[in-house]
Amino acid sequence: MGPPYRPDAPRPDPELARLAAQGERRRVQAAVEADRGRNRAGDRNLRVAIGGFRGSTLKRVLLGVVIAAAVTGVAAVVMTEKGPSRGGVVAMAFGATMCTFMLWVFVPPFASRATVSAEERWVGSQPFRLVGYLEVLALTPLFQRSLTFRLQWQPGGRPPDYSLIHGAIGAIDPGARVRSCDETGATIVSGPVSGHTGISSNRVPVYRNHRLPAHVHAVVEKFLVPLHRSHPITEVSVEG
């Protein structure tokens, strides 16, 4: 008795094969474009966060334009004699001032590349490795965000008491809590840091990470650096 009959597999349809290859190419292209979009959004979030803390050249220029428009408008009104044209001058001056002011309010405080580099230098100047901080600034802004600080003690050093960490961090961030503290490290969770701006676009609230840098700077400079002097830290990881 011979082997059971097995019909030959149908030959692949050329059109289906072409569509399958095209679909795979489009999937790869879509993944690449999505990754680029995330990178652009992350860079934008990072620059807005740092600009809101260190200052934004763009915002300063726009503020200068607002002041110049207001001064020019007042001067034009003063120099215009009373008459039918005076009302038009007042309206134009007021309109120009309001337009530039609204532009100043709604344009995000983008940090320049030099300002971003200054923040990167601050990260590198700490007496311990500070990792994850810039990545947190690049995250999608939320209404509020709690940060997690993971500390690693220097091997062989004397870890601090829980009460010391709990009390010291509370002086800077009353909402913070110490999740753990042992001979290897400590984990501290901050209180909520607001991303609220008071601005809405098409009735959708606009959130930014502009308060995160000030919070991290305060924790690092007022708490972690002094703590490091008596209880050496090798690394601080910031997570959002």
C-alpha atoms as a PDB file:
ATOM      1  CA  MET A   1       0.000   0.000   0.000  1.00  0.00           C
ATOM      2  CA  GLY A   2       1.473   3.293  -1.082  1.00  0.00           C
ATOM      3  CA  PRO A   3       1.676   6.572   0.864  1.00  0.00           C
ATOM      4  CA  PRO A   4      -1.560   8.505   1.281  1.00  0.00           C
ATOM      5  CA  TYR A   5      -2.445  10.878  -1.469  1.00  0.00           C
ATOM      6  CA  ARG A   6      -1.504  14.467  -0.754  1.00  0.00           C
ATOM      7  CA  PRO A   7      -2.459  17.081  -3.295  1.00  0.00           C
ATOM      8  CA  ASP A   8       0.204  19.562  -4.328  1.00  0.00           C
ATOM      9  CA  ALA A   9       0.103  22.894  -2.498  1.00  0.00           C
ATOM     10  CA  PRO A  10      -1.543  25.591  -4.582  1.00  0.00           C
ATOM     11  CA  ARG A  11       0.847  27.957  -6.292  1.00  0.00           C
ATOM     12  CA  PRO A  12       0.921  31.370  -4.599  1.00  0.00           C
ATOM     13  CA  ASP A  13      -1.055  34.033  -6.342  1.00  0.00           C
ATOM     14  CA  PRO A  14       1.376  36.645  -7.769  1.00  0.00           C
ATOM     15  CA  GLU A  15      -0.913  39.512  -6.790  1.00  0.00           C
ATOM     16  CA  LEU A  16      -1.192  38.298  -3.203  1.00  0.00           C
ATOM     17  CA  ALA A  17       2.577  37.863  -3.027  1.00  0.00           C
ATOM     18  CA  ARG A  18       3.048  41.427  -4.268  1.00  0.00           C
ATOM     19  CA  LEU A  19       0.559  42.757  -1.722  1.00  0.00           C
ATOM     20  CA  ALA A  20       2.261  40.824   1.077  1.00  0.00           C
ATOM     21  CA  ALA A  21       5.664  42.281   0.189  1.00  0.00           C
ATOM     22  CA  GLN A  22       4.163  45.758  -0.094  1.00  0.00           C
ATOM     23  CA  GLY A  23       2.454  45.364   3.281  1.00  0.00           C
ATOM     24  CA  GLU A  24       5.695  44.386   4.996  1.00  0.00           C
ATOM     25  CA  ARG A  25       7.485  47.401   3.499  1.00  0.00           C
ATOM     26  CA  ARG A  26       4.710  49.727   4.650  1.00  0.00           C
ATOM     27  CA  ARG A  27       4.805  48.264   8.161  1.00  0.00           C
ATOM     28  CA  VAL A  28       8.539  48.895   8.389  1.00  0.00           C
ATOM     29  CA  GLN A  29       8.122  52.421   7.033  1.00  0.00           C
ATOM     30  CA  ALA A  30       5.302  53.169   9.480  1.00  0.00           C
ATOM     31  CA  ALA A  31       7.404  51.921  12.398  1.00  0.00           C
ATOM     32  CA  VAL A  32      10.330  54.128  11.347  1.00  0.00           C
ATOM     33  CA  GLU A  33       8.093  57.181  10.963  1.00  0.00           C
ATOM     34  CA  ALA A  34       6.446  56.539  14.334  1.00  0.00           C
ATOM     35  CA  ASP A  35       9.875  56.312  15.958  1.00  0.00           C
ATOM     36  CA  ARG A  36      10.925  59.590  14.343  1.00  0.00           C
ATOM     37  CA  GLY A  37       7.705  61.196  15.548  1.00  0.00           C
ATOM     38  CA  ARG A  38       8.362  60.045  19.106  1.00  0.00           C
ATOM     39  CA  ASN A  39      11.896  61.408  18.928  1.00  0.00           C
ATOM     40  CA  ARG A  40      10.655  64.788  17.682  1.00  0.00           C
ATOM     41  CA  ALA A  41       7.973  64.935  20.373  1.00  0.00           C
ATOM     42  CA  GLY A  42      10.486  63.957  23.049  1.00  0.00           C
ATOM     43  CA  ASP A  43      12.943  66.615  21.914  1.00  0.00           C
ATOM     44  CA  ARG A  44      10.166  69.203  21.957  1.00  0.00           C
ATOM     45  CA  ASN A  45       9.066  68.199  25.472  1.00  0.00           C
ATOM     46  CA  LEU A  46      12.665  68.340  26.678  1.00  0.00           C
ATOM     47  CA  ARG A  47      13.319  71.809  25.240  1.00  0.00           C
ATOM     48  CA  VAL A  48      10.055  73.213  26.611  1.00  0.00           C
ATOM     49  CA  ALA A  49      10.773  71.802  30.084  1.00  0.00           C
ATOM     50  CA  ILE A  50      14.292  73.229  30.197  1.00  0.00           C
ATOM     51  CA  GLY A  51      13.183  76.526  28.652  1.00  0.00           C
ATOM     52  CA  GLY A  52      10.512  76.908  31.302  1.00  0.00           C
ATOM     53  CA  PHE A  53      13.203  76.536  33.979  1.00  0.00           C
ATOM     54  CA  ARG A  54      16.313  78.194  32.556  1.00  0.00           C
ATOM     55  CA  GLY A  55      14.574  80.706  30.339  1.00  0.00           C
ATOM     56  CA  SER A  56      13.764  80.846  26.651  1.00  0.00           C
ATOM     57  CA  THR A  57      15.377  83.233  24.179  1.00  0.00           C
ATOM     58  CA  LEU A  58      12.267  82.999  22.021  1.00  0.00           C
ATOM     59  CA  LYS A  59      10.027  84.047  24.911  1.00  0.00           C
ATOM     60  CA  ARG A  60      12.335  86.939  25.791  1.00  0.00           C
ATOM     61  CA  VAL A  61      12.277  88.165  22.204  1.00  0.00           C
ATOM     62  CA  LEU A  62       8.496  87.933  22.078  1.00  0.00           C
ATOM     63  CA  LEU A  63       8.217  89.813  25.372  1.00  0.00           C
ATOM     64  CA  GLY A  64      10.368  92.548  23.875  1.00  0.00           C
ATOM     65  CA  VAL A  65       8.020  92.676  20.889  1.00  0.00           C
ATOM     66  CA  VAL A  66       5.020  92.982  23.234  1.00  0.00           C
ATOM     67  CA  ILE A  67       6.623  95.873  25.098  1.00  0.00           C
ATOM     68  CA  ALA A  68       7.683  97.561  21.867  1.00  0.00           C
ATOM     69  CA  ALA A  69       4.171  97.228  20.439  1.00  0.00           C
ATOM     70  CA  ALA A  70       2.653  98.712  23.595  1.00  0.00           C
ATOM     71  CA  VAL A  71       5.100 101.629  23.685  1.00  0.00           C
ATOM     72  CA  THR A  72       4.663 102.299  19.974  1.00  0.00           C
ATOM     73  CA  GLY A  73       0.894 102.203  20.344  1.00  0.00           C
ATOM     74  CA  VAL A  74       0.908 104.648  23.246  1.00  0.00           C
ATOM     75  CA  ALA A  75       3.254 106.975  21.379  1.00  0.00           C
ATOM     76  CA  ALA A  76       1.068 106.847  18.278  1.00  0.00           C
ATOM     77  CA  VAL A  77      -2.027 107.677  20.301  1.00  0.00           C
ATOM     78  CA  VAL A  78      -0.297 110.571  22.054  1.00  0.00           C
ATOM     79  CA  MET A  79       1.053 112.008  18.817  1.00  0.00           C
ATOM     80  CA  THR A  80      -2.225 111.695  16.942  1.00  0.00           C
ATOM     81  CA  GLU A  81      -4.367 114.784  17.175  1.00  0.00           C
ATOM     82  CA  LYS A  82      -7.946 114.494  18.239  1.00  0.00           C
ATOM     83  CA  GLY A  83     -10.113 113.679  15.288  1.00  0.00           C
ATOM     84  CA  PRO A  84     -11.706 110.849  13.351  1.00  0.00           C
ATOM     85  CA  SER A  85      -8.359 109.104  12.890  1.00  0.00           C
ATOM     86  CA  ARG A  86      -7.592 108.954  16.615  1.00  0.00           C
ATOM     87  CA  GLY A  87     -10.061 106.127  17.243  1.00  0.00           C
ATOM     88  CA  GLY A  88      -8.519 104.064  14.461  1.00  0.00           C
ATOM     89  CA  VAL A  89      -5.029 104.579  15.844  1.00  0.00           C
ATOM     90  CA  VAL A  90      -6.160 103.515  19.320  1.00  0.00           C
ATOM     91  CA  ALA A  91      -7.820 100.381  17.917  1.00  0.00           C
ATOM     92  CA  MET A  92      -4.751  99.455  15.874  1.00  0.00           C
ATOM     93  CA  ALA A  93      -2.408 100.009  18.816  1.00  0.00           C
ATOM     94  CA  PHE A  94      -4.583  97.952  21.144  1.00  0.00           C
ATOM     95  CA  GLY A  95      -4.998  95.176  18.577  1.00  0.00           C
ATOM     96  CA  ALA A  96      -1.267  94.950  17.864  1.00  0.00           C
ATOM     97  CA  THR A  97      -0.433  94.835  21.560  1.00  0.00           C
ATOM     98  CA  MET A  98      -3.015  92.149  22.298  1.00  0.00           C
ATOM     99  CA  CYS A  99      -1.951  90.001  19.334  1.00  0.00           C
ATOM    100  CA  THR A 100       1.703  90.030  20.355  1.00  0.00           C
ATOM    101  CA  PHE A 101       0.769  89.416  23.994  1.00  0.00           C
ATOM    102  CA  MET A 102      -1.351  86.371  23.110  1.00  0.00           C
ATOM    103  CA  LEU A 103       1.496  85.086  20.945  1.00  0.00           C
ATOM    104  CA  TRP A 104       3.839  85.449  23.911  1.00  0.00           C
ATOM    105  CA  VAL A 105       1.407  83.550  26.165  1.00  0.00           C
ATOM    106  CA  PHE A 106       0.738  80.602  23.855  1.00  0.00           C
ATOM    107  CA  VAL A 107       4.167  80.030  22.283  1.00  0.00           C
ATOM    108  CA  PRO A 108       5.995  77.345  24.333  1.00  0.00           C
ATOM    109  CA  PRO A 109       9.244  78.396  26.065  1.00  0.00           C
ATOM    110  CA  PHE A 110      11.591  76.499  23.766  1.00  0.00           C
ATOM    111  CA  ALA A 111      15.129  76.312  25.119  1.00  0.00           C
ATOM    112  CA  SER A 112      17.983  76.934  22.726  1.00  0.00           C
ATOM    113  CA  ARG A 113      20.534  74.204  22.043  1.00  0.00           C
ATOM    114  CA  ALA A 114      23.014  76.120  24.202  1.00  0.00           C
ATOM    115  CA  THR A 115      20.531  76.129  27.089  1.00  0.00           C
ATOM    116  CA  VAL A 116      19.953  72.384  26.714  1.00  0.00           C
ATOM    117  CA  SER A 117      23.721  71.872  26.724  1.00  0.00           C
ATOM    118  CA  ALA A 118      23.961  73.880  29.951  1.00  0.00           C
ATOM    119  CA  GLU A 119      21.451  71.537  31.586  1.00  0.00           C
ATOM    120  CA  GLU A 120      23.405  68.532  30.316  1.00  0.00           C
ATOM    121  CA  ARG A 121      26.565  69.994  31.858  1.00  0.00           C
ATOM    122  CA  TRP A 122      24.727  70.390  35.164  1.00  0.00           C
ATOM    123  CA  VAL A 123      23.824  66.695  35.051  1.00  0.00           C
ATOM    124  CA  GLY A 124      27.444  65.755  34.419  1.00  0.00           C
ATOM    125  CA  SER A 125      28.768  68.016  37.181  1.00  0.00           C
ATOM    126  CA  GLN A 126      27.156  66.080  40.041  1.00  0.00           C
ATOM    127  CA  PRO A 127      29.401  64.072  42.389  1.00  0.00           C
ATOM    128  CA  PHE A 128      27.451  60.927  41.500  1.00  0.00           C
ATOM    129  CA  ARG A 129      25.982  59.540  38.285  1.00  0.00           C
ATOM    130  CA  LEU A 130      22.600  61.144  37.606  1.00  0.00           C
ATOM    131  CA  VAL A 131      20.719  59.073  35.028  1.00  0.00           C
ATOM    132  CA  GLY A 132      17.235  59.192  33.573  1.00  0.00           C
ATOM    133  CA  TYR A 133      16.577  62.851  34.362  1.00  0.00           C
ATOM    134  CA  LEU A 134      16.693  64.186  30.797  1.00  0.00           C
ATOM    135  CA  GLU A 135      14.672  61.205  29.594  1.00  0.00           C
ATOM    136  CA  VAL A 136      11.950  62.091  32.123  1.00  0.00           C
ATOM    137  CA  LEU A 137      11.810  65.646  30.758  1.00  0.00           C
ATOM    138  CA  ALA A 138      11.196  64.184  27.291  1.00  0.00           C
ATOM    139  CA  LEU A 139       8.146  62.185  28.415  1.00  0.00           C
ATOM    140  CA  THR A 140       4.636  63.141  27.345  1.00  0.00           C
ATOM    141  CA  PRO A 141       3.484  65.872  29.767  1.00  0.00           C
ATOM    142  CA  LEU A 142       0.746  64.993  32.239  1.00  0.00           C
ATOM    143  CA  PHE A 143      -1.532  66.974  34.544  1.00  0.00           C
ATOM    144  CA  GLN A 144       0.757  65.862  37.361  1.00  0.00           C
ATOM    145  CA  ARG A 145       3.617  63.406  37.681  1.00  0.00           C
ATOM    146  CA  SER A 146       5.416  61.799  40.611  1.00  0.00           C
ATOM    147  CA  LEU A 147       9.130  61.130  40.238  1.00  0.00           C
ATOM    148  CA  THR A 148      10.991  58.143  41.632  1.00  0.00           C
ATOM    149  CA  PHE A 149      14.585  58.603  42.814  1.00  0.00           C
ATOM    150  CA  ARG A 150      16.556  55.365  43.162  1.00  0.00           C
ATOM    151  CA  LEU A 151      19.770  55.837  45.150  1.00  0.00           C
ATOM    152  CA  GLN A 152      22.709  53.423  45.215  1.00  0.00           C
ATOM    153  CA  TRP A 153      25.180  53.710  48.089  1.00  0.00           C
ATOM    154  CA  GLN A 154      28.891  53.325  47.594  1.00  0.00           C
ATOM    155  CA  PRO A 155      29.880  49.727  48.478  1.00  0.00           C
ATOM    156  CA  GLY A 156      31.388  49.492  51.928  1.00  0.00           C
ATOM    157  CA  GLY A 157      29.896  52.778  53.060  1.00  0.00           C
ATOM    158  CA  ARG A 158      27.582  53.377  55.981  1.00  0.00           C
ATOM    159  CA  PRO A 159      23.967  53.765  54.826  1.00  0.00           C
ATOM    160  CA  PRO A 160      21.889  56.527  56.456  1.00  0.00           C
ATOM    161  CA  ASP A 161      19.013  55.871  58.795  1.00  0.00           C
ATOM    162  CA  TYR A 162      15.502  55.807  57.409  1.00  0.00           C
ATOM    163  CA  SER A 163      14.484  58.633  59.736  1.00  0.00           C
ATOM    164  CA  LEU A 164      17.268  60.865  58.403  1.00  0.00           C
ATOM    165  CA  ILE A 165      16.203  60.430  54.779  1.00  0.00           C
ATOM    166  CA  HIS A 166      12.524  60.736  55.617  1.00  0.00           C
ATOM    167  CA  GLY A 167      12.996  63.966  57.533  1.00  0.00           C
ATOM    168  CA  ALA A 168      15.458  65.580  55.121  1.00  0.00           C
ATOM    169  CA  ILE A 169      13.455  64.942  51.957  1.00  0.00           C
ATOM    170  CA  GLY A 170      10.324  66.134  53.738  1.00  0.00           C
ATOM    171  CA  ALA A 171      11.919  69.545  54.222  1.00  0.00           C
ATOM    172  CA  ILE A 172      12.184  69.910  50.442  1.00  0.00           C
ATOM    173  CA  ASP A 173       9.147  67.959  49.285  1.00  0.00           C
ATOM    174  CA  PRO A 174       6.526  67.436  52.025  1.00  0.00           C
ATOM    175  CA  GLY A 175       4.631  65.062  49.746  1.00  0.00           C
ATOM    176  CA  ALA A 176       7.592  62.736  49.199  1.00  0.00           C
ATOM    177  CA  ARG A 177       7.756  59.306  50.799  1.00  0.00           C
ATOM    178  CA  VAL A 178      10.634  56.908  51.331  1.00  0.00           C
ATOM    179  CA  ARG A 179       9.597  53.599  49.828  1.00  0.00           C
ATOM    180  CA  SER A 180      12.672  51.666  50.932  1.00  0.00           C
ATOM    181  CA  CYS A 181      16.074  52.176  52.532  1.00  0.00           C
ATOM    182  CA  ASP A 182      18.641  49.439  53.165  1.00  0.00           C
ATOM    183  CA  GLU A 183      22.375  48.794  52.965  1.00  0.00           C
ATOM    184  CA  THR A 184      22.406  48.892  49.149  1.00  0.00           C
ATOM    185  CA  GLY A 185      20.282  51.943  48.404  1.00  0.00           C
ATOM    186  CA  ALA A 186      17.048  53.824  48.871  1.00  0.00           C
ATOM    187  CA  THR A 187      13.954  54.569  46.829  1.00  0.00           C
ATOM    188  CA  ILE A 188      12.140  57.876  47.219  1.00  0.00           C
ATOM    189  CA  VAL A 189       8.892  58.836  45.492  1.00  0.00           C
ATOM    190  CA  SER A 190       8.165  62.533  45.168  1.00  0.00           C
ATOM    191  CA  GLY A 191       4.875  64.243  45.690  1.00  0.00           C
ATOM    192  CA  PRO A 192       2.932  65.111  42.529  1.00  0.00           C
ATOM    193  CA  VAL A 193       4.572  67.760  40.347  1.00  0.00           C
ATOM    194  CA  SER A 194       2.018  69.730  38.356  1.00  0.00           C
ATOM    195  CA  GLY A 195       2.155  70.000  34.577  1.00  0.00           C
ATOM    196  CA  HIS A 196      -0.773  72.438  34.492  1.00  0.00           C
ATOM    197  CA  THR A 197      -0.232  75.622  32.465  1.00  0.00           C
ATOM    198  CA  GLY A 198      -3.647  77.267  32.585  1.00  0.00           C
ATOM    199  CA  ILE A 199      -3.668  77.246  28.783  1.00  0.00           C
ATOM    200  CA  SER A 200      -6.172  75.429  26.589  1.00  0.00           C
ATOM    201  CA  SER A 201      -6.088  74.777  22.865  1.00  0.00           C
ATOM    202  CA  ASN A 202      -9.465  73.995  21.309  1.00  0.00           C
ATOM    203  CA  ARG A 203     -10.743  73.403  24.859  1.00  0.00           C
ATOM    204  CA  VAL A 204      -8.035  70.803  25.464  1.00  0.00           C
ATOM    205  CA  PRO A 205      -5.747  71.601  28.423  1.00  0.00           C
ATOM    206  CA  VAL A 206      -2.083  72.125  27.560  1.00  0.00           C
ATOM    207  CA  TYR A 207       0.359  70.372  29.901  1.00  0.00           C
ATOM    208  CA  ARG A 208       4.123  70.828  30.079  1.00  0.00           C
ATOM    209  CA  ASN A 209       7.040  69.384  32.033  1.00  0.00           C
ATOM    210  CA  HIS A 210       8.209  72.888  32.942  1.00  0.00           C
ATOM    211  CA  ARG A 211       8.123  72.343  36.740  1.00  0.00           C
ATOM    212  CA  LEU A 212      10.076  69.084  36.738  1.00  0.00           C
ATOM    213  CA  PRO A 213      13.571  70.636  36.365  1.00  0.00           C
ATOM    214  CA  ALA A 214      13.107  72.923  39.378  1.00  0.00           C
ATOM    215  CA  HIS A 215      11.940  69.968  41.468  1.00  0.00           C
ATOM    216  CA  VAL A 216      14.869  67.751  40.469  1.00  0.00           C
ATOM    217  CA  HIS A 217      17.378  70.574  40.985  1.00  0.00           C
ATOM    218  CA  ALA A 218      16.023  71.171  44.490  1.00  0.00           C
ATOM    219  CA  VAL A 219      16.181  67.482  45.421  1.00  0.00           C
ATOM    220  CA  VAL A 220      19.690  67.058  44.009  1.00  0.00           C
ATOM    221  CA  GLU A 221      21.269  70.281  45.240  1.00  0.00           C
ATOM    222  CA  LYS A 222      19.575  70.618  48.636  1.00  0.00           C
ATOM    223  CA  PHE A 223      19.235  66.966  49.633  1.00  0.00           C
ATOM    224  CA  LEU A 224      21.255  64.470  47.619  1.00  0.00           C
ATOM    225  CA  VAL A 225      24.536  66.392  47.370  1.00  0.00           C
ATOM    226  CA  PRO A 226      24.660  67.100  51.143  1.00  0.00           C
ATOM    227  CA  LEU A 227      23.655  63.478  51.810  1.00  0.00           C
ATOM    228  CA  HIS A 228      26.457  62.308  49.524  1.00  0.00           C
ATOM    229  CA  ARG A 229      29.064  64.049  51.689  1.00  0.00           C
ATOM    230  CA  SER A 230      28.333  61.830  54.669  1.00  0.00           C
ATOM    231  CA  HIS A 231      26.861  58.793  52.921  1.00  0.00           C
ATOM    232  CA  PRO A 232      28.543  58.432  49.496  1.00  0.00           C
ATOM    233  CA  ILE A 233      26.190  57.780  46.580  1.00  0.00           C
ATOM    234  CA  THR A 234      27.363  56.141  43.368  1.00  0.00           C
ATOM    235  CA  GLU A 235      24.242  56.636  41.251  1.00  0.00           C
ATOM    236  CA  VAL A 236      20.852  58.327  41.326  1.00  0.00           C
ATOM    237  CA  SER A 237      18.285  57.140  38.792  1.00  0.00           C
ATOM    238  CA  VAL A 238      15.292  59.374  38.095  1.00  0.00           C
ATOM    239  CA  GLU A 239      12.139  57.764  36.741  1.00  0.00           C
ATOM    240  CA  GLY A 240       8.787  59.255  35.796  1.00  0.00           C
END
